[in-house]
């Protein structure tokens, strides 16, 4: 990534199974491990915490071949990208 694109961005790495993250994120990128390899009963709570960590109008991006295991309550799907969701409340 070009250095100019990194300016003003705070990059964080977090294991969502270890507890809730900080809050106020504008963008959360989810690697496929969470949604692909874990049972939906194990990922519900971490995924809900992830959504709560987003700021209103923040985006959750999942893998292009993945689906959320349950209907997103605070998220609205982005019409142009089926793997992008915007927090609305």
PDB file of N, CA and C in Angstrom:
ATOM      1  N   UNK A   1       0.845  -1.167   0.000  1.00  0.00           N
ATOM      2  CA  UNK A   1       0.000   0.000   0.000  1.00  0.00           C
ATOM      3  C   UNK A   1       0.893   1.233   0.000  1.00  0.00           C
ATOM      4  N   UNK A   2       0.510   2.188  -0.783  1.00  0.00           N
ATOM      5  CA  UNK A   2       1.284   3.426  -0.863  1.00  0.00           C
ATOM      6  C   UNK A   2       1.230   4.155   0.482  1.00  0.00           C
ATOM      7  N   UNK A   3       2.361   4.720   0.925  1.00  0.00           N
ATOM      8  CA  UNK A   3       2.388   5.419   2.214  1.00  0.00           C
ATOM      9  C   UNK A   3       1.329   6.521   2.325  1.00  0.00           C
ATOM     10  N   UNK A   4       1.039   7.210   1.250  1.00  0.00           N
ATOM     11  CA  UNK A   4       0.039   8.293   1.300  1.00  0.00           C
ATOM     12  C   UNK A   4      -1.343   7.757   1.655  1.00  0.00           C
ATOM     13  N   UNK A   5      -1.642   6.508   1.253  1.00  0.00           N
ATOM     14  CA  UNK A   5      -2.941   5.919   1.570  1.00  0.00           C
ATOM     15  C   UNK A   5      -3.041   5.506   3.038  1.00  0.00           C
ATOM     16  N   UNK A   6      -1.919   5.278   3.682  1.00  0.00           N
ATOM     17  CA  UNK A   6      -1.900   4.842   5.079  1.00  0.00           C
ATOM     18  C   UNK A   6      -2.083   5.993   6.066  1.00  0.00           C
ATOM     19  N   UNK A   7      -1.868   7.222   5.606  1.00  0.00           N
ATOM     20  CA  UNK A   7      -1.959   8.381   6.498  1.00  0.00           C
ATOM     21  C   UNK A   7      -3.357   8.517   7.075  1.00  0.00           C
ATOM     22  N   UNK A   8      -3.422   8.735   8.360  1.00  0.00           N
ATOM     23  CA  UNK A   8      -4.698   8.935   9.044  1.00  0.00           C
ATOM     24  C   UNK A   8      -5.457   7.657   9.338  1.00  0.00           C
ATOM     25  N   UNK A   9      -4.836   6.513   9.099  1.00  0.00           N
ATOM     26  CA  UNK A   9      -5.495   5.235   9.357  1.00  0.00           C
ATOM     27  C   UNK A   9      -4.807   4.543  10.522  1.00  0.00           C
ATOM     28  N   UNK A  10      -5.581   4.112  11.486  1.00  0.00           N
ATOM     29  CA  UNK A  10      -5.051   3.327  12.606  1.00  0.00           C
ATOM     30  C   UNK A  10      -5.381   1.868  12.327  1.00  0.00           C
ATOM     31  N   UNK A  11      -4.364   1.067  12.033  1.00  0.00           N
ATOM     32  CA  UNK A  11      -4.562  -0.345  11.739  1.00  0.00           C
ATOM     33  C   UNK A  11      -4.543  -1.130  13.036  1.00  0.00           C
ATOM     34  N   UNK A  12      -5.490  -2.052  13.213  1.00  0.00           N
ATOM     35  CA  UNK A  12      -5.554  -2.886  14.411  1.00  0.00           C
ATOM     36  C   UNK A  12      -5.790  -4.332  13.987  1.00  0.00           C
ATOM     37  N   UNK A  13      -5.241  -5.235  14.753  1.00  0.00           N
ATOM     38  CA  UNK A  13      -5.495  -6.659  14.560  1.00  0.00           C
ATOM     39  C   UNK A  13      -6.129  -7.148  15.852  1.00  0.00           C
ATOM     40  N   UNK A  14      -7.222  -7.914  15.732  1.00  0.00           N
ATOM     41  CA  UNK A  14      -7.935  -8.358  16.928  1.00  0.00           C
ATOM     42  C   UNK A  14      -8.517  -9.750  16.702  1.00  0.00           C
ATOM     43  N   UNK A  15      -8.393 -10.600  17.696  1.00  0.00           N
ATOM     44  CA  UNK A  15      -9.023 -11.919  17.672  1.00  0.00           C
ATOM     45  C   UNK A  15     -10.390 -11.763  18.325  1.00  0.00           C
ATOM     46  N   UNK A  16     -11.442 -11.797  17.535  1.00  0.00           N
ATOM     47  CA  UNK A  16     -12.784 -11.531  18.054  1.00  0.00           C
ATOM     48  C   UNK A  16     -13.302 -12.613  18.986  1.00  0.00           C
ATOM     49  N   UNK A  17     -12.695 -13.765  18.975  1.00  0.00           N
ATOM     50  CA  UNK A  17     -13.110 -14.807  19.916  1.00  0.00           C
ATOM     51  C   UNK A  17     -12.531 -14.562  21.302  1.00  0.00           C
ATOM     52  N   UNK A  18     -11.597 -13.608  21.417  1.00  0.00           N
ATOM     53  CA  UNK A  18     -10.975 -13.332  22.711  1.00  0.00           C
ATOM     54  C   UNK A  18     -11.709 -12.258  23.513  1.00  0.00           C
ATOM     55  N   UNK A  19     -12.704 -11.628  22.945  1.00  0.00           N
ATOM     56  CA  UNK A  19     -13.452 -10.603  23.661  1.00  0.00           C
ATOM     57  C   UNK A  19     -13.769  -9.445  22.738  1.00  0.00           C
ATOM     58  N   UNK A  20     -14.548  -8.482  23.232  1.00  0.00           N
ATOM     59  CA  UNK A  20     -14.952  -7.364  22.377  1.00  0.00           C
ATOM     60  C   UNK A  20     -13.776  -6.451  22.047  1.00  0.00           C
ATOM     61  N   UNK A  21     -13.814  -5.874  20.860  1.00  0.00           N
ATOM     62  CA  UNK A  21     -12.770  -4.929  20.466  1.00  0.00           C
ATOM     63  C   UNK A  21     -13.073  -3.541  21.013  1.00  0.00           C
ATOM     64  N   UNK A  22     -12.243  -2.600  20.653  1.00  0.00           N
ATOM     65  CA  UNK A  22     -12.540  -1.198  20.951  1.00  0.00           C
ATOM     66  C   UNK A  22     -13.775  -0.810  20.131  1.00  0.00           C
ATOM     67  N   UNK A  23     -14.136   0.441  20.145  1.00  0.00           N
ATOM     68  CA  UNK A  23     -15.314   0.845  19.377  1.00  0.00           C
ATOM     69  C   UNK A  23     -15.008   2.067  18.526  1.00  0.00           C
ATOM     70  N   UNK A  24     -15.976   2.421  17.693  1.00  0.00           N
ATOM     71  CA  UNK A  24     -15.847   3.602  16.856  1.00  0.00           C
ATOM     72  C   UNK A  24     -15.110   3.382  15.554  1.00  0.00           C
ATOM     73  N   UNK A  25     -15.065   2.135  15.077  1.00  0.00           N
ATOM     74  CA  UNK A  25     -14.370   1.839  13.827  1.00  0.00           C
ATOM     75  C   UNK A  25     -15.227   2.259  12.631  1.00  0.00           C
ATOM     76  N   UNK A  26     -14.587   2.815  11.627  1.00  0.00           N
ATOM     77  CA  UNK A  26     -15.273   3.163  10.386  1.00  0.00           C
ATOM     78  C   UNK A  26     -15.281   1.998   9.406  1.00  0.00           C
ATOM     79  N   UNK A  27     -14.344   1.077   9.573  1.00  0.00           N
ATOM     80  CA  UNK A  27     -14.218  -0.051   8.668  1.00  0.00           C
ATOM     81  C   UNK A  27     -13.671  -1.249   9.437  1.00  0.00           C
ATOM     82  N   UNK A  28     -14.332  -2.396   9.289  1.00  0.00           N
ATOM     83  CA  UNK A  28     -13.826  -3.650   9.832  1.00  0.00           C
ATOM     84  C   UNK A  28     -13.794  -4.654   8.688  1.00  0.00           C
ATOM     85  N   UNK A  29     -12.617  -5.230   8.473  1.00  0.00           N
ATOM     86  CA  UNK A  29     -12.422  -6.252   7.451  1.00  0.00           C
ATOM     87  C   UNK A  29     -12.330  -7.592   8.158  1.00  0.00           C
ATOM     88  N   UNK A  30     -13.140  -8.548   7.741  1.00  0.00           N
ATOM     89  CA  UNK A  30     -13.179  -9.851   8.395  1.00  0.00           C
ATOM     90  C   UNK A  30     -12.563 -10.900   7.476  1.00  0.00           C
ATOM     91  N   UNK A  31     -11.525 -11.535   7.961  1.00  0.00           N
ATOM     92  CA  UNK A  31     -10.914 -12.633   7.196  1.00  0.00           C
ATOM     93  C   UNK A  31     -11.876 -13.806   7.180  1.00  0.00           C
ATOM     94  N   UNK A  32     -11.705 -14.680   6.239  1.00  0.00           N
ATOM     95  CA  UNK A  32     -12.656 -15.777   6.069  1.00  0.00           C
ATOM     96  C   UNK A  32     -12.647 -16.796   7.199  1.00  0.00           C
ATOM     97  N   UNK A  33     -11.652 -16.825   8.044  1.00  0.00           N
ATOM     98  CA  UNK A  33     -11.600 -17.832   9.107  1.00  0.00           C
ATOM     99  C   UNK A  33     -12.830 -17.809   9.996  1.00  0.00           C
ATOM    100  N   UNK A  34     -13.246 -16.642  10.428  1.00  0.00           N
ATOM    101  CA  UNK A  34     -14.367 -16.537  11.362  1.00  0.00           C
ATOM    102  C   UNK A  34     -15.657 -17.057  10.743  1.00  0.00           C
ATOM    103  N   UNK A  35     -15.965 -16.670   9.531  1.00  0.00           N
ATOM    104  CA  UNK A  35     -17.238 -17.033   8.917  1.00  0.00           C
ATOM    105  C   UNK A  35     -17.204 -18.377   8.198  1.00  0.00           C
ATOM    106  N   UNK A  36     -16.029 -18.887   7.911  1.00  0.00           N
ATOM    107  CA  UNK A  36     -15.925 -20.131   7.157  1.00  0.00           C
ATOM    108  C   UNK A  36     -15.730 -21.351   8.052  1.00  0.00           C
ATOM    109  N   UNK A  37     -14.876 -21.243   9.033  1.00  0.00           N
ATOM    110  CA  UNK A  37     -14.447 -22.429   9.773  1.00  0.00           C
ATOM    111  C   UNK A  37     -15.098 -22.614  11.140  1.00  0.00           C
ATOM    112  N   UNK A  38     -15.837 -21.639  11.609  1.00  0.00           N
ATOM    113  CA  UNK A  38     -16.488 -21.766  12.917  1.00  0.00           C
ATOM    114  C   UNK A  38     -17.989 -21.973  12.741  1.00  0.00           C
ATOM    115  N   UNK A  39     -18.592 -22.725  13.644  1.00  0.00           N
ATOM    116  CA  UNK A  39     -20.035 -22.944  13.608  1.00  0.00           C
ATOM    117  C   UNK A  39     -20.739 -21.631  13.934  1.00  0.00           C
ATOM    118  N   UNK A  40     -21.919 -21.442  13.356  1.00  0.00           N
ATOM    119  CA  UNK A  40     -22.636 -20.181  13.565  1.00  0.00           C
ATOM    120  C   UNK A  40     -22.957 -19.934  15.031  1.00  0.00           C
ATOM    121  N   UNK A  41     -23.129 -20.996  15.823  1.00  0.00           N
ATOM    122  CA  UNK A  41     -23.405 -20.807  17.241  1.00  0.00           C
ATOM    123  C   UNK A  41     -22.205 -20.203  17.976  1.00  0.00           C
ATOM    124  N   UNK A  42     -20.996 -20.450  17.481  1.00  0.00           N
ATOM    125  CA  UNK A  42     -19.788 -19.901  18.108  1.00  0.00           C
ATOM    126  C   UNK A  42     -19.482 -18.482  17.656  1.00  0.00           C
ATOM    127  N   UNK A  43     -19.945 -18.105  16.490  1.00  0.00           N
ATOM    128  CA  UNK A  43     -19.570 -16.787  15.982  1.00  0.00           C
ATOM    129  C   UNK A  43     -20.636 -15.718  16.172  1.00  0.00           C
ATOM    130  N   UNK A  44     -21.811 -16.103  16.626  1.00  0.00           N
ATOM    131  CA  UNK A  44     -22.885 -15.109  16.785  1.00  0.00           C
ATOM    132  C   UNK A  44     -22.464 -13.971  17.714  1.00  0.00           C
ATOM    133  N   UNK A  45     -22.021 -14.297  18.922  1.00  0.00           N
ATOM    134  CA  UNK A  45     -21.638 -13.256  19.888  1.00  0.00           C
ATOM    135  C   UNK A  45     -20.471 -12.411  19.381  1.00  0.00           C
ATOM    136  N   UNK A  46     -19.373 -13.020  18.885  1.00  0.00           N
ATOM    137  CA  UNK A  46     -18.287 -12.182  18.371  1.00  0.00           C
ATOM    138  C   UNK A  46     -18.709 -11.300  17.196  1.00  0.00           C
ATOM    139  N   UNK A  47     -19.560 -11.818  16.336  1.00  0.00           N
ATOM    140  CA  UNK A  47     -20.007 -11.024  15.200  1.00  0.00           C
ATOM    141  C   UNK A  47     -20.892  -9.862  15.658  1.00  0.00           C
ATOM    142  N   UNK A  48     -21.739 -10.092  16.637  1.00  0.00           N
ATOM    143  CA  UNK A  48     -22.561  -9.003  17.182  1.00  0.00           C
ATOM    144  C   UNK A  48     -21.684  -7.932  17.828  1.00  0.00           C
ATOM    145  N   UNK A  49     -20.627  -8.356  18.536  1.00  0.00           N
ATOM    146  CA  UNK A  49     -19.691  -7.394  19.131  1.00  0.00           C
ATOM    147  C   UNK A  49     -18.961  -6.603  18.049  1.00  0.00           C
ATOM    148  N   UNK A  50     -18.631  -7.272  16.970  1.00  0.00           N
ATOM    149  CA  UNK A  50     -17.964  -6.621  15.857  1.00  0.00           C
ATOM    150  C   UNK A  50     -18.853  -5.523  15.272  1.00  0.00           C
ATOM    151  N   UNK A  51     -20.121  -5.829  15.089  1.00  0.00           N
ATOM    152  CA  UNK A  51     -21.058  -4.841  14.544  1.00  0.00           C
ATOM    153  C   UNK A  51     -21.211  -3.667  15.512  1.00  0.00           C
ATOM    154  N   UNK A  52     -21.286  -3.948  16.800  1.00  0.00           N
ATOM    155  CA  UNK A  52     -21.382  -2.874  17.799  1.00  0.00           C
ATOM    156  C   UNK A  52     -20.134  -1.998  17.804  1.00  0.00           C
ATOM    157  N   UNK A  53     -18.986  -2.564  17.433  1.00  0.00           N
ATOM    158  CA  UNK A  53     -17.732  -1.810  17.410  1.00  0.00           C
ATOM    159  C   UNK A  53     -17.667  -0.829  16.249  1.00  0.00           C
ATOM    160  N   UNK A  54     -18.514  -1.021  15.254  1.00  0.00           N
ATOM    161  CA  UNK A  54     -18.553  -0.093  14.127  1.00  0.00           C
ATOM    162  C   UNK A  54     -19.232   1.214  14.528  1.00  0.00           C
ATOM    163  N   UNK A  55     -18.729   2.307  13.991  1.00  0.00           N
ATOM    164  CA  UNK A  55     -19.442   3.567  14.171  1.00  0.00           C
ATOM    165  C   UNK A  55     -20.670   3.552  13.256  1.00  0.00           C
ATOM    166  N   UNK A  56     -21.656   4.371  13.557  1.00  0.00           N
ATOM    167  CA  UNK A  56     -22.809   4.493  12.667  1.00  0.00           C
ATOM    168  C   UNK A  56     -22.269   4.992  11.325  1.00  0.00           C
ATOM    169  N   UNK A  57     -22.720   4.403  10.249  1.00  0.00           N
ATOM    170  CA  UNK A  57     -22.238   4.638   8.885  1.00  0.00           C
ATOM    171  C   UNK A  57     -20.888   3.967   8.611  1.00  0.00           C
ATOM    172  N   UNK A  58     -20.400   3.147   9.551  1.00  0.00           N
ATOM    173  CA  UNK A  58     -19.187   2.368   9.319  1.00  0.00           C
ATOM    174  C   UNK A  58     -19.514   1.131   8.495  1.00  0.00           C
ATOM    175  N   UNK A  59     -18.485   0.506   7.946  1.00  0.00           N
ATOM    176  CA  UNK A  59     -18.673  -0.639   7.058  1.00  0.00           C
ATOM    177  C   UNK A  59     -18.022  -1.905   7.594  1.00  0.00           C
ATOM    178  N   UNK A  60     -18.728  -3.008   7.425  1.00  0.00           N
ATOM    179  CA  UNK A  60     -18.216  -4.346   7.693  1.00  0.00           C
ATOM    180  C   UNK A  60     -18.037  -5.013   6.338  1.00  0.00           C
ATOM    181  N   UNK A  61     -16.826  -5.480   6.068  1.00  0.00           N
ATOM    182  CA  UNK A  61     -16.531  -6.149   4.802  1.00  0.00           C
ATOM    183  C   UNK A  61     -16.160  -7.594   5.120  1.00  0.00           C
ATOM    184  N   UNK A  62     -16.862  -8.523   4.483  1.00  0.00           N
ATOM    185  CA  UNK A  62     -16.563  -9.947   4.659  1.00  0.00           C
ATOM    186  C   UNK A  62     -16.020 -10.485   3.339  1.00  0.00           C
ATOM    187  N   UNK A  63     -15.620 -11.740   3.313  1.00  0.00           N
ATOM    188  CA  UNK A  63     -15.108 -12.339   2.086  1.00  0.00           C
ATOM    189  C   UNK A  63     -16.157 -12.354   0.988  1.00  0.00           C
ATOM    190  N   UNK A  64     -15.717 -12.231  -0.245  1.00  0.00           N
ATOM    191  CA  UNK A  64     -16.652 -12.158  -1.368  1.00  0.00           C
ATOM    192  C   UNK A  64     -17.455 -13.443  -1.564  1.00  0.00           C
ATOM    193  N   UNK A  65     -16.987 -14.547  -1.020  1.00  0.00           N
ATOM    194  CA  UNK A  65     -17.699 -15.822  -1.150  1.00  0.00           C
ATOM    195  C   UNK A  65     -18.387 -16.234   0.140  1.00  0.00           C
ATOM    196  N   UNK A  66     -18.445 -15.345   1.108  1.00  0.00           N
ATOM    197  CA  UNK A  66     -19.034 -15.679   2.407  1.00  0.00           C
ATOM    198  C   UNK A  66     -20.403 -15.044   2.576  1.00  0.00           C
ATOM    199  N   UNK A  67     -21.108 -15.534   3.577  1.00  0.00           N
ATOM    200  CA  UNK A  67     -22.415 -14.984   3.950  1.00  0.00           C
ATOM    201  C   UNK A  67     -22.438 -14.812   5.455  1.00  0.00           C
ATOM    202  N   UNK A  68     -23.222 -13.860   5.906  1.00  0.00           N
ATOM    203  CA  UNK A  68     -23.424 -13.732   7.351  1.00  0.00           C
ATOM    204  C   UNK A  68     -24.330 -14.873   7.800  1.00  0.00           C
ATOM    205  N   UNK A  69     -24.058 -15.492   8.945  1.00  0.00           N
ATOM    206  CA  UNK A  69     -24.817 -16.672   9.365  1.00  0.00           C
ATOM    207  C   UNK A  69     -26.222 -16.373   9.875  1.00  0.00           C
ATOM    208  N   UNK A  70     -26.541 -15.098  10.058  1.00  0.00           N
ATOM    209  CA  UNK A  70     -27.871 -14.710  10.516  1.00  0.00           C
ATOM    210  C   UNK A  70     -28.149 -13.308   9.997  1.00  0.00           C
ATOM    211  N   UNK A  71     -29.394 -12.909   9.924  1.00  0.00           N
ATOM    212  CA  UNK A  71     -29.715 -11.580   9.389  1.00  0.00           C
ATOM    213  C   UNK A  71     -29.072 -10.475  10.229  1.00  0.00           C
ATOM    214  N   UNK A  72     -28.394  -9.551   9.603  1.00  0.00           N
ATOM    215  CA  UNK A  72     -27.764  -8.459  10.355  1.00  0.00           C
ATOM    216  C   UNK A  72     -28.805  -7.472  10.853  1.00  0.00           C
ATOM    217  N   UNK A  73     -28.827  -7.257  12.157  1.00  0.00           N
ATOM    218  CA  UNK A  73     -29.836  -6.376  12.746  1.00  0.00           C
ATOM    219  C   UNK A  73     -29.485  -4.907  12.527  1.00  0.00           C
ATOM    220  N   UNK A  74     -28.240  -4.526  12.768  1.00  0.00           N
ATOM    221  CA  UNK A  74     -27.835  -3.129  12.655  1.00  0.00           C
ATOM    222  C   UNK A  74     -27.165  -2.818  11.321  1.00  0.00           C
ATOM    223  N   UNK A  75     -27.156  -3.776  10.418  1.00  0.00           N
ATOM    224  CA  UNK A  75     -26.451  -3.606   9.146  1.00  0.00           C
ATOM    225  C   UNK A  75     -27.399  -3.577   7.963  1.00  0.00           C
ATOM    226  N   UNK A  76     -27.030  -2.783   6.994  1.00  0.00           N
ATOM    227  CA  UNK A  76     -27.768  -2.722   5.736  1.00  0.00           C
ATOM    228  C   UNK A  76     -26.822  -3.177   4.627  1.00  0.00           C
ATOM    229  N   UNK A  77     -27.223  -4.155   3.818  1.00  0.00           N
ATOM    230  CA  UNK A  77     -26.354  -4.590   2.721  1.00  0.00           C
ATOM    231  C   UNK A  77     -26.110  -3.452   1.738  1.00  0.00           C
ATOM    232  N   UNK A  78     -24.909  -3.392   1.194  1.00  0.00           N
ATOM    233  CA  UNK A  78     -24.590  -2.409   0.156  1.00  0.00           C
ATOM    234  C   UNK A  78     -25.018  -2.996  -1.181  1.00  0.00           C
ATOM    235  N   UNK A  79     -25.826  -2.301  -1.936  1.00  0.00           N
ATOM    236  CA  UNK A  79     -26.356  -2.857  -3.179  1.00  0.00           C
ATOM    237  C   UNK A  79     -25.284  -3.219  -4.206  1.00  0.00           C
ATOM    238  N   UNK A  80     -24.194  -2.486  -4.249  1.00  0.00           N
ATOM    239  CA  UNK A  80     -23.192  -2.739  -5.282  1.00  0.00           C
ATOM    240  C   UNK A  80     -22.183  -3.822  -4.896  1.00  0.00           C
ATOM    241  N   UNK A  81     -22.063  -4.146  -3.600  1.00  0.00           N
ATOM    242  CA  UNK A  81     -21.139  -5.183  -3.137  1.00  0.00           C
ATOM    243  C   UNK A  81     -21.870  -6.088  -2.157  1.00  0.00           C
ATOM    244  N   UNK A  82     -22.135  -7.324  -2.540  1.00  0.00           N
ATOM    245  CA  UNK A  82     -22.914  -8.219  -1.686  1.00  0.00           C
ATOM    246  C   UNK A  82     -22.174  -8.641  -0.429  1.00  0.00           C
ATOM    247  N   UNK A  83     -20.875  -8.350  -0.323  1.00  0.00           N
ATOM    248  CA  UNK A  83     -20.095  -8.712   0.850  1.00  0.00           C
ATOM    249  C   UNK A  83     -19.743  -7.489   1.709  1.00  0.00           C
ATOM    250  N   UNK A  84     -20.417  -6.375   1.463  1.00  0.00           N
ATOM    251  CA  UNK A  84     -20.210  -5.148   2.237  1.00  0.00           C
ATOM    252  C   UNK A  84     -21.517  -4.753   2.908  1.00  0.00           C
ATOM    253  N   UNK A  85     -21.401  -4.333   4.161  1.00  0.00           N
ATOM    254  CA  UNK A  85     -22.565  -3.961   4.952  1.00  0.00           C
ATOM    255  C   UNK A  85     -22.279  -2.649   5.684  1.00  0.00           C
ATOM    256  N   UNK A  86     -23.287  -1.791   5.728  1.00  0.00           N
ATOM    257  CA  UNK A  86     -23.160  -0.486   6.392  1.00  0.00           C
ATOM    258  C   UNK A  86     -23.961  -0.505   7.687  1.00  0.00           C
ATOM    259  N   UNK A  87     -23.343  -0.031   8.776  1.00  0.00           N
ATOM    260  CA  UNK A  87     -24.079   0.057  10.033  1.00  0.00           C
ATOM    261  C   UNK A  87     -25.023   1.257   9.963  1.00  0.00           C
ATOM    262  N   UNK A  88     -26.292   1.014  10.268  1.00  0.00           N
ATOM    263  CA  UNK A  88     -27.310   2.048  10.125  1.00  0.00           C
ATOM    264  C   UNK A  88     -27.852   2.566  11.449  1.00  0.00           C
ATOM    265  N   UNK A  89     -27.608   1.880  12.515  1.00  0.00           N
ATOM    266  CA  UNK A  89     -28.134   2.355  13.819  1.00  0.00           C
ATOM    267  C   UNK A  89     -27.149   2.051  14.901  1.00  0.00           C
TER     268      UNK A  89
END
